[in-house]
Amino acid sequence: MQITSGMVKELREKTGAGLMDCKAALTASDGDMEAAIDHLRTKGLAAAAKKSSRIASEGSSAPTWRGTPGRLSR
């Protein structure tokens, strides 16, 4: 099936995923919108699982308030 820019735009609006990710998902699902959304979800879960094993061992942040606006300082 031919993947049109309108299909990619619609999928991007529904999911908020990147342009090339949406195009790849539509290509893998042969243009089926629901299958493409599922494909993006599974890809996103796999990416999140890969990132969850990382350890943030350096740096710290603490909120500070001086006057009205708040800020984070490291």
N, C-alpha and C. Protein backbone atom coordinates (compact mmCIF):
# COMPACT_ATOMS: atom_id res chain seq x y z
N MET A 1 0.84 -1.18 0.00
CA MET A 1 0.00 0.00 0.00
C MET A 1 0.88 1.25 0.00
N GLN A 2 0.45 2.26 -0.68
CA GLN A 2 1.18 3.52 -0.76
C GLN A 2 0.94 4.32 0.52
N ILE A 3 2.00 4.74 1.18
CA ILE A 3 1.92 5.54 2.40
C ILE A 3 1.96 7.01 1.99
N THR A 4 0.91 7.76 2.30
CA THR A 4 0.84 9.17 1.92
C THR A 4 1.27 10.05 3.08
N SER A 5 1.59 11.29 2.75
CA SER A 5 1.99 12.23 3.80
C SER A 5 0.82 12.54 4.73
N GLY A 6 -0.40 12.47 4.22
CA GLY A 6 -1.58 12.67 5.06
C GLY A 6 -1.72 11.59 6.11
N MET A 7 -1.41 10.36 5.73
CA MET A 7 -1.47 9.25 6.69
C MET A 7 -0.42 9.43 7.78
N VAL A 8 0.78 9.83 7.38
CA VAL A 8 1.86 10.05 8.34
C VAL A 8 1.48 11.19 9.27
N LYS A 9 0.91 12.27 8.73
CA LYS A 9 0.50 13.42 9.54
C LYS A 9 -0.57 13.01 10.55
N GLU A 10 -1.55 12.23 10.12
CA GLU A 10 -2.62 11.78 11.01
C GLU A 10 -2.06 10.93 12.16
N LEU A 11 -1.12 10.04 11.83
CA LEU A 11 -0.53 9.19 12.86
C LEU A 11 0.30 10.03 13.83
N ARG A 12 1.02 11.01 13.32
CA ARG A 12 1.80 11.90 14.18
C ARG A 12 0.91 12.67 15.13
N GLU A 13 -0.24 13.15 14.64
CA GLU A 13 -1.18 13.90 15.49
C GLU A 13 -1.77 13.01 16.58
N LYS A 14 -2.02 11.75 16.25
CA LYS A 14 -2.60 10.83 17.23
C LYS A 14 -1.60 10.39 18.28
N THR A 15 -0.34 10.21 17.88
CA THR A 15 0.64 9.61 18.79
C THR A 15 1.70 10.56 19.30
N GLY A 16 2.01 11.59 18.55
CA GLY A 16 3.10 12.49 18.93
C GLY A 16 4.48 11.93 18.62
N ALA A 17 4.54 10.85 17.87
CA ALA A 17 5.81 10.23 17.51
C ALA A 17 6.47 11.01 16.38
N GLY A 18 7.73 10.72 16.13
CA GLY A 18 8.48 11.40 15.09
C GLY A 18 8.05 10.99 13.69
N LEU A 19 8.42 11.81 12.74
CA LEU A 19 8.01 11.60 11.35
C LEU A 19 8.48 10.26 10.80
N MET A 20 9.76 9.97 10.95
CA MET A 20 10.29 8.72 10.40
C MET A 20 9.77 7.50 11.15
N ASP A 21 9.54 7.64 12.47
CA ASP A 21 8.96 6.53 13.23
C ASP A 21 7.56 6.22 12.74
N CYS A 22 6.78 7.27 12.48
CA CYS A 22 5.42 7.06 11.98
C CYS A 22 5.43 6.43 10.59
N LYS A 23 6.32 6.89 9.74
CA LYS A 23 6.40 6.32 8.39
C LYS A 23 6.81 4.85 8.45
N ALA A 24 7.79 4.53 9.31
CA ALA A 24 8.23 3.15 9.44
C ALA A 24 7.12 2.26 10.00
N ALA A 25 6.37 2.79 10.96
CA ALA A 25 5.27 2.01 11.55
C ALA A 25 4.18 1.76 10.52
N LEU A 26 3.85 2.77 9.73
CA LEU A 26 2.83 2.59 8.69
C LEU A 26 3.30 1.62 7.61
N THR A 27 4.57 1.67 7.28
CA THR A 27 5.11 0.74 6.29
C THR A 27 5.07 -0.69 6.82
N ALA A 28 5.46 -0.87 8.09
CA ALA A 28 5.46 -2.21 8.69
C ALA A 28 4.05 -2.77 8.83
N SER A 29 3.07 -1.88 9.04
CA SER A 29 1.70 -2.35 9.22
C SER A 29 0.89 -2.30 7.93
N ASP A 30 1.54 -2.02 6.81
CA ASP A 30 0.91 -1.97 5.49
C ASP A 30 -0.23 -0.96 5.45
N GLY A 31 -0.03 0.19 6.11
CA GLY A 31 -1.00 1.27 6.05
C GLY A 31 -2.13 1.19 7.05
N ASP A 32 -2.17 0.17 7.89
CA ASP A 32 -3.23 0.03 8.88
C ASP A 32 -2.90 0.93 10.07
N MET A 33 -3.77 1.92 10.32
CA MET A 33 -3.52 2.93 11.34
C MET A 33 -3.44 2.32 12.75
N GLU A 34 -4.38 1.47 13.09
CA GLU A 34 -4.40 0.86 14.43
C GLU A 34 -3.18 -0.04 14.66
N ALA A 35 -2.81 -0.80 13.66
CA ALA A 35 -1.63 -1.65 13.77
C ALA A 35 -0.36 -0.80 13.89
N ALA A 36 -0.34 0.34 13.21
CA ALA A 36 0.81 1.24 13.30
C ALA A 36 0.93 1.83 14.71
N ILE A 37 -0.21 2.16 15.31
CA ILE A 37 -0.20 2.68 16.69
C ILE A 37 0.32 1.61 17.64
N ASP A 38 -0.13 0.37 17.46
CA ASP A 38 0.38 -0.73 18.29
C ASP A 38 1.88 -0.93 18.09
N HIS A 39 2.33 -0.82 16.85
CA HIS A 39 3.75 -0.96 16.54
C HIS A 39 4.56 0.12 17.27
N LEU A 40 4.07 1.35 17.24
CA LEU A 40 4.77 2.44 17.93
C LEU A 40 4.78 2.22 19.44
N ARG A 41 3.69 1.69 19.98
CA ARG A 41 3.64 1.41 21.42
C ARG A 41 4.68 0.37 21.82
N THR A 42 4.74 -0.72 21.06
CA THR A 42 5.70 -1.77 21.41
C THR A 42 7.13 -1.28 21.23
N LYS A 43 7.36 -0.48 20.20
CA LYS A 43 8.69 0.08 19.98
C LYS A 43 9.04 1.04 21.11
N GLY A 44 8.08 1.83 21.54
CA GLY A 44 8.30 2.77 22.64
C GLY A 44 8.56 2.06 23.95
N LEU A 45 7.85 0.97 24.21
CA LEU A 45 8.07 0.21 25.43
C LEU A 45 9.44 -0.43 25.43
N ALA A 46 9.87 -0.91 24.26
CA ALA A 46 11.20 -1.51 24.16
C ALA A 46 12.27 -0.45 24.40
N ALA A 47 12.08 0.74 23.85
CA ALA A 47 13.05 1.82 24.04
C ALA A 47 13.07 2.26 25.50
N ALA A 48 11.90 2.32 26.13
CA ALA A 48 11.83 2.73 27.53
C ALA A 48 12.50 1.69 28.43
N ALA A 49 12.31 0.41 28.11
CA ALA A 49 12.95 -0.64 28.89
C ALA A 49 14.46 -0.58 28.76
N LYS A 50 14.94 -0.26 27.57
CA LYS A 50 16.38 -0.15 27.35
C LYS A 50 16.95 1.03 28.16
N LYS A 51 16.23 2.12 28.23
CA LYS A 51 16.70 3.30 28.95
C LYS A 51 16.56 3.14 30.45
N SER A 52 15.63 2.31 30.91
CA SER A 52 15.39 2.18 32.34
C SER A 52 16.55 1.51 33.07
N SER A 53 17.40 0.81 32.34
CA SER A 53 18.53 0.15 32.98
C SER A 53 19.68 1.11 33.25
N ARG A 54 19.60 2.33 32.74
CA ARG A 54 20.65 3.31 32.97
C ARG A 54 20.60 3.83 34.41
N ILE A 55 21.75 4.18 34.93
CA ILE A 55 21.83 4.69 36.29
C ILE A 55 22.25 6.15 36.24
N ALA A 56 21.51 6.98 36.94
CA ALA A 56 21.87 8.39 37.04
C ALA A 56 22.70 8.55 38.31
N SER A 57 24.01 8.40 38.19
CA SER A 57 24.86 8.39 39.37
C SER A 57 25.61 9.70 39.59
N GLU A 58 25.51 10.63 38.66
CA GLU A 58 26.23 11.88 38.82
C GLU A 58 25.27 13.05 38.87
N GLY A 59 25.65 14.04 39.66
CA GLY A 59 24.88 15.28 39.73
C GLY A 59 23.71 15.19 40.67
N SER A 60 23.20 16.33 41.00
CA SER A 60 22.01 16.41 41.84
C SER A 60 21.31 17.72 41.52
N SER A 61 20.08 17.82 41.90
CA SER A 61 19.34 19.07 41.71
C SER A 61 18.52 19.32 42.96
N ALA A 62 18.37 20.58 43.29
CA ALA A 62 17.60 20.97 44.47
C ALA A 62 16.81 22.22 44.14
N PRO A 63 15.54 22.27 44.54
CA PRO A 63 14.74 23.47 44.29
C PRO A 63 15.16 24.59 45.24
N THR A 64 15.22 25.79 44.71
CA THR A 64 15.51 26.96 45.55
C THR A 64 14.51 28.06 45.23
N TRP A 65 14.12 28.79 46.23
CA TRP A 65 13.20 29.90 46.05
C TRP A 65 13.82 31.14 46.66
N ARG A 66 14.00 32.11 45.83
CA ARG A 66 14.47 33.42 46.29
C ARG A 66 13.54 34.44 45.66
N GLY A 67 12.67 34.95 46.43
CA GLY A 67 11.66 35.83 45.86
C GLY A 67 10.50 35.00 45.34
N THR A 68 9.84 35.46 44.33
CA THR A 68 8.64 34.79 43.81
C THR A 68 8.96 33.59 42.91
N PRO A 69 9.78 33.72 41.87
CA PRO A 69 9.97 32.57 40.97
C PRO A 69 10.86 31.48 41.59
N GLY A 70 10.53 30.24 41.29
CA GLY A 70 11.35 29.12 41.75
C GLY A 70 12.30 28.69 40.66
N ARG A 71 13.36 28.00 41.02
CA ARG A 71 14.32 27.51 40.03
C ARG A 71 14.98 26.25 40.55
N LEU A 72 15.57 25.50 39.65
CA LEU A 72 16.35 24.32 40.01
C LEU A 72 17.81 24.64 39.84
N SER A 73 18.60 24.29 40.83
CA SER A 73 20.04 24.52 40.71
C SER A 73 20.77 23.19 40.86
N ARG A 74 21.90 23.08 40.19
CA ARG A 74 22.68 21.85 40.26
C ARG A 74 23.95 22.11 41.02
